[in-house]
Amino acid sequence: MANELEIKKQKLDDHLIVELYGNIDEDSNFETLTKLDVKIITFDFDGIKMINSCGVRDWIQFIEKIPADTKIIYKKCPQIVIEQINMVHGFIRKGAKIDSFYAPYYSEDKDEVIKVLLKSEDVKKAKAPEIKDQETGEVLEFDAIEAQYFNFLNQAEGQ
């Protein structure tokens, strides 16, 4: 299957960096990520294309197996991951940190939605930061309901 989940791991001392590519679905297998003796796990979701309900269930079961004293960091979360975090209790463990994520911004000049990579600290009081198109200088319009889209920031670190 072309979109089968691919997991790339890199261990640096007590830190495991995990890059995920493809689909998180009923065929996903997180077994290679269990029973690892690390203090920090960073999940890079940049390559995730789709998540279905079976994949969400399997992800939650996997996250629950990670020792409680292991720090979890999510980075480069696409909109589909942010939507799951916002909708599904347990997709992100309390105390986990979301380092970076993609947010939808609309360009009127180009008549398209542009996914902009933001750092969590860029968002203040659930307000989207002002973003300008790098080519045209146009101020882009945030293309979601801020209070709903940024709800995950409260969930992640239990704020």
Protein backbone atom coordinates (compact mmCIF):
# COMPACT_ATOMS: atom_id res chain seq x y z
CA MET A 1 0.00 0.00 0.00
CA ALA A 2 1.46 3.34 -1.11
CA ASN A 3 0.36 5.32 1.96
CA GLU A 4 1.26 2.71 4.56
CA LEU A 5 2.66 4.29 7.72
CA GLU A 6 6.43 4.62 7.58
CA ILE A 7 8.28 5.26 10.83
CA LYS A 8 11.82 6.64 10.88
CA LYS A 9 13.64 6.71 14.22
CA GLN A 10 16.75 8.50 15.37
CA LYS A 11 18.02 8.13 18.93
CA LEU A 12 20.23 10.81 20.42
CA ASP A 13 21.21 9.82 23.97
CA ASP A 14 17.91 9.85 25.94
CA HIS A 15 15.95 11.52 23.11
CA LEU A 16 14.10 9.60 20.40
CA ILE A 17 13.05 11.52 17.29
CA VAL A 18 10.29 9.79 15.35
CA GLU A 19 9.30 10.91 11.84
CA LEU A 20 5.93 9.63 10.63
CA TYR A 21 4.97 9.38 6.95
CA GLY A 22 1.80 8.19 5.23
CA ASN A 23 -1.46 7.19 6.89
CA ILE A 24 -2.33 6.40 10.49
CA ASP A 25 -4.99 3.74 10.03
CA GLU A 26 -5.95 0.16 10.94
CA ASP A 27 -2.73 -1.12 9.35
CA SER A 28 -0.44 1.13 11.42
CA ASN A 29 1.94 -0.64 13.74
CA PHE A 30 3.65 1.30 16.53
CA GLU A 31 5.31 -1.81 18.05
CA THR A 32 8.81 -0.63 17.06
CA LEU A 33 8.29 2.43 19.29
CA THR A 34 7.39 0.55 22.46
CA LYS A 35 9.76 -0.58 25.21
CA LEU A 36 12.36 2.04 24.34
CA ASP A 37 14.36 3.47 27.21
CA VAL A 38 14.24 7.22 26.50
CA LYS A 39 13.36 10.32 28.50
CA ILE A 40 12.05 12.39 25.55
CA ILE A 41 10.15 11.37 22.41
CA THR A 42 9.59 13.90 19.63
CA PHE A 43 6.96 12.94 17.06
CA ASP A 44 7.33 14.74 13.72
CA PHE A 45 3.96 14.51 11.93
CA ASP A 46 4.98 16.47 8.81
CA GLY A 47 4.56 13.44 6.54
CA ILE A 48 1.13 12.33 7.78
CA LYS A 49 -1.50 12.43 5.02
CA MET A 50 -4.55 10.82 6.64
CA ILE A 51 -5.86 9.51 9.95
CA ASN A 52 -8.97 7.36 10.28
CA SER A 53 -10.90 6.25 13.36
CA CYS A 54 -9.06 2.93 13.67
CA GLY A 55 -5.76 4.79 13.44
CA VAL A 56 -6.89 7.19 16.17
CA ARG A 57 -7.77 4.23 18.43
CA ASP A 58 -4.41 2.56 17.79
CA TRP A 59 -2.53 5.83 18.37
CA ILE A 60 -4.25 6.39 21.73
CA GLN A 61 -3.48 2.82 22.81
CA PHE A 62 0.15 3.33 21.83
CA ILE A 63 0.45 6.70 23.65
CA GLU A 64 -0.98 5.12 26.82
CA LYS A 65 1.90 2.59 26.81
CA ILE A 66 4.59 5.28 26.93
CA PRO A 67 5.89 5.64 30.50
CA ALA A 68 4.39 8.61 32.35
CA ASP A 69 7.82 10.12 33.06
CA THR A 70 8.69 10.26 29.34
CA LYS A 71 8.34 13.77 27.92
CA ILE A 72 6.39 13.83 24.65
CA ILE A 73 6.79 16.57 22.04
CA TYR A 74 4.68 16.91 18.89
CA LYS A 75 6.07 18.94 15.99
CA LYS A 76 5.00 19.92 12.49
CA CYS A 77 1.44 18.75 13.14
CA PRO A 78 -0.70 19.07 10.01
CA GLN A 79 -4.29 20.28 10.28
CA ILE A 80 -5.61 16.69 10.34
CA VAL A 81 -3.57 15.98 13.49
CA ILE A 82 -4.68 19.23 15.14
CA GLU A 83 -8.32 18.32 14.41
CA GLN A 84 -7.86 14.93 16.10
CA ILE A 85 -6.21 16.51 19.14
CA ASN A 86 -9.13 18.94 19.41
CA MET A 87 -11.84 16.28 18.97
CA VAL A 88 -10.53 13.09 20.54
CA HIS A 89 -9.71 12.85 24.23
CA GLY A 90 -6.43 11.02 24.68
CA PHE A 91 -4.90 11.71 21.26
CA ILE A 92 -2.40 13.85 23.13
CA ARG A 93 -1.34 13.03 26.65
CA LYS A 94 -1.69 15.68 29.35
CA GLY A 95 1.66 17.38 29.81
CA ALA A 96 2.77 16.76 26.24
CA LYS A 97 4.15 19.77 24.37
CA ILE A 98 3.15 20.83 20.90
CA ASP A 99 6.21 22.54 19.49
CA SER A 100 4.92 23.43 16.02
CA PHE A 101 1.89 22.93 13.81
CA TYR A 102 0.39 24.00 10.51
CA ALA A 103 -2.41 26.52 10.47
CA PRO A 104 -4.68 27.37 7.52
CA TYR A 105 -4.45 30.90 6.15
CA TYR A 106 -6.36 32.21 3.15
CA SER A 107 -4.77 34.28 0.40
CA GLU A 108 -7.31 36.42 -1.39
CA ASP A 109 -4.76 37.35 -4.07
CA LYS A 110 -4.09 33.70 -4.91
CA ASP A 111 -7.57 32.42 -3.95
CA GLU A 112 -6.07 29.51 -2.02
CA VAL A 113 -5.51 28.24 1.48
CA ILE A 114 -1.87 28.19 2.54
CA LYS A 115 -0.68 25.96 5.38
CA VAL A 116 1.65 28.05 7.55
CA LEU A 117 4.00 26.42 10.07
CA LEU A 118 3.63 28.12 13.45
CA LYS A 119 5.32 27.62 16.80
CA SER A 120 2.94 27.22 19.74
CA GLU A 121 4.38 30.33 21.39
CA ASP A 122 3.36 32.36 18.30
CA VAL A 123 -0.30 32.04 19.38
CA LYS A 124 -1.27 34.44 22.16
CA LYS A 125 -4.69 34.21 23.86
CA ALA A 126 -6.02 31.92 21.10
CA LYS A 127 -5.45 34.59 18.43
CA ALA A 128 -3.78 33.72 15.15
CA PRO A 129 -0.60 35.67 14.50
CA GLU A 130 -0.51 38.02 11.54
CA ILE A 131 1.10 36.31 8.57
CA LYS A 132 2.09 37.95 5.30
CA ASP A 133 2.51 36.21 1.97
CA GLN A 134 6.26 36.04 1.35
CA GLU A 135 5.87 36.79 -2.36
CA THR A 136 3.21 39.50 -2.41
CA GLY A 137 3.26 40.95 1.10
CA GLU A 138 -0.50 40.40 1.38
CA VAL A 139 -1.74 39.95 4.95
CA LEU A 140 -3.29 36.47 4.99
CA GLU A 141 -6.58 35.72 6.73
CA PHE A 142 -6.71 32.92 9.29
CA ASP A 143 -9.05 30.32 7.76
CA ALA A 144 -10.62 28.65 10.82
CA ILE A 145 -12.37 29.61 14.02
CA GLU A 146 -9.50 30.60 16.31
CA ALA A 147 -11.06 29.50 19.62
CA GLN A 148 -11.77 26.05 18.19
CA TYR A 149 -8.58 25.54 16.19
CA PHE A 150 -6.24 26.65 18.98
CA ASN A 151 -8.10 24.70 21.69
CA PHE A 152 -5.37 22.05 21.55
CA LEU A 153 -2.89 24.47 23.12
CA ASN A 154 -4.89 24.36 26.35
CA GLN A 155 -5.15 20.56 26.27
CA ALA A 156 -1.49 19.85 25.63
CA GLU A 157 0.16 21.40 28.62
CA GLY A 158 -2.93 21.41 30.82
CA GLN A 159 -3.15 25.20 30.86
